[in-house]
Amino acid sequence: MVAARVEEKTLRFRLGSLLALVGAALLVSACATRGGKIPYDVADFGAPDAPGEQADPYVWGIGPLDVVDVKFFQVPDLSGEYQVSSGGVLDLPLVGAVEARYQQPDQFARALEQLYGQRYLNSPQITVRIVKTSQRNLTVEGGVKNAGIYPLEGRTTLLGAIALAKGIDTQEGNPRRVAIFRKRNGQTVAAAFDVIAIRRGEMADPLVYPGDTVVVDSNSLRSAYRELLQLLPIAAVFGPL
């Protein structure tokens, strides 16, 4: 049930963020002369913001609403899965609230060993593992066969992201109008891509990152995403496949 609540909170947050983005994007389009300012065919438009001091967006520590498995060697009564609060705090037996945000699991385990060893346990051995996180997720929407939120286990490109969603729906999706939205330097940035050109080797296959949203244009695209895709430059619209 904890995992289901985390998934629901993540989905609500993502949809809320995109709806807010629509409002901002519509203001941009009002000033544009060619249907918007989203650049097209951008091999690398910058990695997203990473929390804390971590420079690599693929190597994130423990984050808000993550579920972590904390195991105490030979102390099963203390072991279990615990959810990090929205403020990045973990409420643990005996010691209470402990700041966990942005710490790597091994680093956090060593801190817990020191904390529990001071008053409660003799030379404790503790392991920490993230079992559920919203930080390494990617959202794929629009004209794909199975839209949704997917975990990224390692470095993934745009083609890989579309594969996670079972590929582009040949009846609905338009592979020549695909956009990636991400947070960078505190702002939402976007770039448009032509999947057909990528597959032919005519366009670079860009990396996607945790927190990105990939939107494939389609006839049945939800209105919020439809407004986003309408901001792509007119030059990005190709003829029939």
Protein backbone atom coordinates (compact mmCIF):
# COMPACT_ATOMS: atom_id res chain seq x y z
CA MET A 1 0.00 0.00 0.00
CA VAL A 2 2.93 2.34 0.71
CA ALA A 3 4.19 1.84 -2.86
CA ALA A 4 0.72 2.57 -4.27
CA ARG A 5 0.49 5.82 -2.31
CA VAL A 6 3.91 6.89 -3.53
CA GLU A 7 2.92 6.10 -7.15
CA GLU A 8 -0.31 8.09 -6.79
CA LYS A 9 1.47 11.09 -5.27
CA THR A 10 4.07 11.00 -8.03
CA LEU A 11 1.44 10.91 -10.78
CA ARG A 12 -0.51 13.80 -9.25
CA PHE A 13 2.68 15.84 -8.92
CA ARG A 14 3.73 15.18 -12.53
CA LEU A 15 0.32 16.11 -13.94
CA GLY A 16 0.16 19.24 -11.79
CA SER A 17 3.60 20.33 -12.96
CA LEU A 18 2.71 19.82 -16.62
CA LEU A 19 -0.55 21.74 -16.28
CA ALA A 20 1.42 24.61 -14.76
CA LEU A 21 3.85 24.33 -17.67
CA VAL A 22 0.98 24.65 -20.14
CA GLY A 23 0.06 28.04 -18.72
CA ALA A 24 3.62 29.30 -19.00
CA ALA A 25 4.07 27.83 -22.46
CA LEU A 26 0.94 29.52 -23.77
CA LEU A 27 2.43 32.87 -22.76
CA VAL A 28 5.55 32.03 -24.74
CA SER A 29 3.54 31.10 -27.81
CA ALA A 30 1.76 34.43 -27.76
CA CYS A 31 5.11 36.13 -28.38
CA ALA A 32 6.38 33.66 -30.95
CA THR A 33 6.01 34.08 -34.68
CA ARG A 34 6.49 30.50 -35.81
CA GLY A 35 4.35 28.45 -33.44
CA GLY A 36 6.62 28.45 -30.40
CA LYS A 37 10.23 28.51 -29.22
CA ILE A 38 10.95 24.84 -28.58
CA PRO A 39 14.20 24.08 -30.45
CA TYR A 40 14.20 21.18 -32.89
CA ASP A 41 16.93 18.56 -33.46
CA VAL A 42 18.92 19.29 -30.29
CA ALA A 43 21.41 16.51 -29.53
CA ASP A 44 22.08 17.75 -25.98
CA PHE A 45 20.10 20.56 -24.41
CA GLY A 46 21.63 20.08 -20.96
CA ALA A 47 21.20 17.64 -18.11
CA PRO A 48 18.46 18.35 -15.57
CA ASP A 49 18.99 19.73 -12.11
CA ALA A 50 20.32 17.19 -9.62
CA PRO A 51 19.51 17.52 -5.91
CA GLY A 52 22.12 18.32 -3.30
CA GLU A 53 25.72 18.31 -4.48
CA GLN A 54 25.34 15.31 -6.77
CA ALA A 55 26.48 16.22 -10.29
CA ASP A 56 25.21 13.11 -12.07
CA PRO A 57 21.39 13.06 -12.44
CA TYR A 58 21.52 9.26 -12.71
CA VAL A 59 23.14 8.92 -9.28
CA TRP A 60 20.63 10.30 -6.83
CA GLY A 61 20.55 9.64 -3.12
CA ILE A 62 17.56 9.07 -0.88
CA GLY A 63 14.79 11.54 -1.66
CA PRO A 64 11.41 12.69 -0.34
CA LEU A 65 8.68 10.00 -0.44
CA ASP A 66 11.20 7.25 -1.23
CA VAL A 67 10.63 3.89 0.44
CA VAL A 68 13.80 2.40 1.91
CA ASP A 69 14.52 -1.02 3.34
CA VAL A 70 16.57 -0.74 6.54
CA LYS A 71 18.01 -4.01 7.84
CA PHE A 72 19.61 -4.41 11.25
CA PHE A 73 21.81 -7.51 11.43
CA GLN A 74 20.37 -9.91 14.04
CA VAL A 75 17.80 -7.30 15.16
CA PRO A 76 14.69 -8.16 13.08
CA ASP A 77 12.36 -6.13 15.29
CA LEU A 78 13.99 -2.92 14.05
CA SER A 79 14.28 -3.98 10.42
CA GLY A 80 11.65 -3.04 7.84
CA GLU A 81 10.56 -0.73 5.05
CA TYR A 82 10.16 2.92 5.92
CA GLN A 83 8.92 5.86 3.86
CA VAL A 84 10.80 9.12 3.78
CA SER A 85 8.62 12.13 4.56
CA SER A 86 8.01 14.92 2.05
CA GLY A 87 10.61 16.90 3.97
CA GLY A 88 13.27 14.20 3.54
CA VAL A 89 13.10 12.79 7.09
CA LEU A 90 12.92 9.12 8.04
CA ASP A 91 11.10 8.19 11.26
CA LEU A 92 12.93 5.17 12.75
CA PRO A 93 12.44 3.10 15.90
CA LEU A 94 14.14 4.36 19.07
CA VAL A 95 15.94 7.30 17.42
CA GLY A 96 12.93 9.01 15.84
CA ALA A 97 13.30 11.50 12.98
CA VAL A 98 16.58 11.26 11.03
CA GLU A 99 17.52 13.48 8.08
CA ALA A 100 17.97 11.21 5.04
CA ARG A 101 17.50 13.49 2.04
CA TYR A 102 20.12 13.23 -0.75
CA GLN A 103 22.32 10.79 1.15
CA GLN A 104 23.54 7.68 -0.64
CA PRO A 105 22.20 4.45 0.94
CA ASP A 106 25.65 3.29 2.12
CA GLN A 107 26.41 6.72 3.54
CA PHE A 108 23.08 6.77 5.39
CA ALA A 109 23.67 3.25 6.75
CA ARG A 110 27.00 4.32 8.26
CA ALA A 111 25.31 7.33 9.88
CA LEU A 112 22.65 5.04 11.37
CA GLU A 113 25.28 2.67 12.72
CA GLN A 114 26.91 5.56 14.54
CA LEU A 115 23.57 6.88 15.79
CA TYR A 116 22.30 3.53 17.10
CA GLY A 117 25.72 2.55 18.43
CA GLN A 118 25.86 5.59 20.70
CA ARG A 119 22.95 4.52 22.90
CA TYR A 120 21.05 1.45 21.78
CA LEU A 121 23.11 -1.27 20.03
CA ASN A 122 26.57 -2.74 20.43
CA SER A 123 28.49 -2.43 17.12
CA PRO A 124 25.36 -2.45 14.93
CA GLN A 125 25.53 -3.60 11.32
CA ILE A 126 22.97 -1.84 9.16
CA THR A 127 22.22 -1.92 5.45
CA VAL A 128 19.98 0.52 3.58
CA ARG A 129 18.42 -0.04 0.17
CA ILE A 130 16.03 2.14 -1.83
CA VAL A 131 13.10 -0.06 -2.86
CA LYS A 132 10.74 2.58 -4.28
CA THR A 133 11.56 6.01 -5.60
CA SER A 134 9.97 8.70 -7.73
CA GLN A 135 13.32 10.31 -8.48
CA ARG A 136 14.47 7.88 -11.16
CA ASN A 137 11.18 7.82 -13.01
CA LEU A 138 10.44 8.95 -16.55
CA THR A 139 6.97 9.88 -17.83
CA VAL A 140 6.02 8.88 -21.39
CA GLU A 141 2.73 10.23 -22.73
CA GLY A 142 0.82 10.62 -25.97
CA GLY A 143 0.95 8.36 -29.01
CA VAL A 144 2.64 5.33 -27.48
CA LYS A 145 1.19 1.89 -26.84
CA ASN A 146 1.47 2.02 -23.06
CA ALA A 147 1.78 5.54 -21.64
CA GLY A 148 2.82 5.84 -18.01
CA ILE A 149 5.61 6.39 -15.50
CA TYR A 150 8.66 4.14 -15.84
CA PRO A 151 11.77 3.65 -13.69
CA LEU A 152 15.13 4.31 -15.30
CA GLU A 153 17.63 1.69 -14.21
CA GLY A 154 20.54 3.21 -16.14
CA ARG A 155 21.41 5.62 -18.89
CA THR A 156 18.60 5.66 -21.45
CA THR A 157 18.07 7.47 -24.75
CA LEU A 158 14.87 8.76 -26.31
CA LEU A 159 14.46 5.55 -28.34
CA GLY A 160 14.90 3.56 -25.15
CA ALA A 161 12.27 5.65 -23.39
CA ILE A 162 9.78 5.01 -26.18
CA ALA A 163 10.60 1.30 -26.00
CA LEU A 164 9.70 1.33 -22.29
CA ALA A 165 6.22 2.44 -23.36
CA LYS A 166 6.03 -0.47 -25.85
CA GLY A 167 6.79 1.74 -28.84
CA ILE A 168 4.88 4.33 -30.81
CA ASP A 169 1.27 3.50 -31.65
CA THR A 170 1.30 3.24 -35.45
CA GLN A 171 -2.38 4.17 -35.64
CA GLU A 172 -2.23 7.23 -33.36
CA GLY A 173 1.34 8.38 -32.75
CA ASN A 174 3.35 10.76 -34.91
CA PRO A 175 7.04 9.80 -34.59
CA ARG A 176 8.11 13.01 -36.31
CA ARG A 177 6.75 15.18 -33.46
CA VAL A 178 8.22 14.06 -30.15
CA ALA A 179 9.17 16.47 -27.35
CA ILE A 180 11.24 16.09 -24.19
CA PHE A 181 10.47 18.39 -21.26
CA ARG A 182 12.84 18.69 -18.27
CA LYS A 183 13.82 20.93 -15.39
CA ARG A 184 17.17 22.70 -15.76
CA ASN A 185 18.54 25.62 -13.78
CA GLY A 186 15.21 25.90 -12.01
CA GLN A 187 13.23 26.31 -15.24
CA THR A 188 11.39 23.98 -17.60
CA VAL A 189 13.19 23.51 -20.92
CA ALA A 190 12.15 21.49 -23.95
CA ALA A 191 13.39 20.17 -27.27
CA ALA A 192 11.65 18.44 -30.19
CA PHE A 193 12.85 15.37 -32.08
CA ASP A 194 12.05 13.28 -35.14
CA VAL A 195 12.18 9.59 -34.19
CA ILE A 196 12.22 8.51 -37.84
CA ALA A 197 15.34 10.58 -38.44
CA ILE A 198 16.96 9.19 -35.29
CA ARG A 199 16.35 5.62 -36.44
CA ARG A 200 17.88 6.43 -39.84
CA GLY A 201 20.97 7.88 -38.20
CA GLU A 202 20.16 11.36 -39.48
CA MET A 203 19.60 12.82 -36.01
CA ALA A 204 21.32 12.08 -32.70
CA ASP A 205 19.46 9.95 -30.17
CA PRO A 206 19.45 12.18 -27.05
CA LEU A 207 19.74 10.99 -23.48
CA VAL A 208 16.67 11.17 -21.30
CA TYR A 209 16.99 11.67 -17.57
CA PRO A 210 15.03 10.91 -14.41
CA GLY A 211 12.24 13.45 -14.09
CA ASP A 212 11.90 14.03 -17.85
CA THR A 213 8.56 13.88 -19.63
CA VAL A 214 8.49 12.52 -23.20
CA VAL A 215 5.40 13.44 -25.21
CA VAL A 216 4.60 11.82 -28.56
CA ASP A 217 2.08 13.71 -30.67
CA SER A 218 -1.15 11.85 -31.47
CA ASN A 219 -4.74 12.50 -32.54
CA SER A 220 -6.06 11.40 -29.14
CA LEU A 221 -3.52 13.31 -27.06
CA ARG A 222 -4.96 14.75 -23.86
CA SER A 223 -5.73 18.47 -24.12
CA ALA A 224 -2.93 19.52 -21.77
CA TYR A 225 -0.32 17.69 -23.81
CA ARG A 226 -1.94 18.80 -27.07
CA GLU A 227 -1.35 22.43 -26.09
CA LEU A 228 2.27 21.64 -25.30
CA LEU A 229 2.88 19.95 -28.65
CA GLN A 230 1.23 22.82 -30.51
CA LEU A 231 4.11 24.97 -29.34
CA LEU A 232 6.58 23.05 -31.51
CA PRO A 233 7.93 25.15 -34.39
CA ILE A 234 6.04 24.96 -37.67
CA ALA A 235 9.29 23.80 -39.26
CA ALA A 236 9.07 20.65 -37.13
CA VAL A 237 5.94 19.50 -38.94
CA PHE A 238 6.87 17.07 -41.72
CA GLY A 239 4.72 15.69 -44.49
CA PRO A 240 2.87 12.35 -44.39
CA LEU A 241 5.01 9.31 -43.58
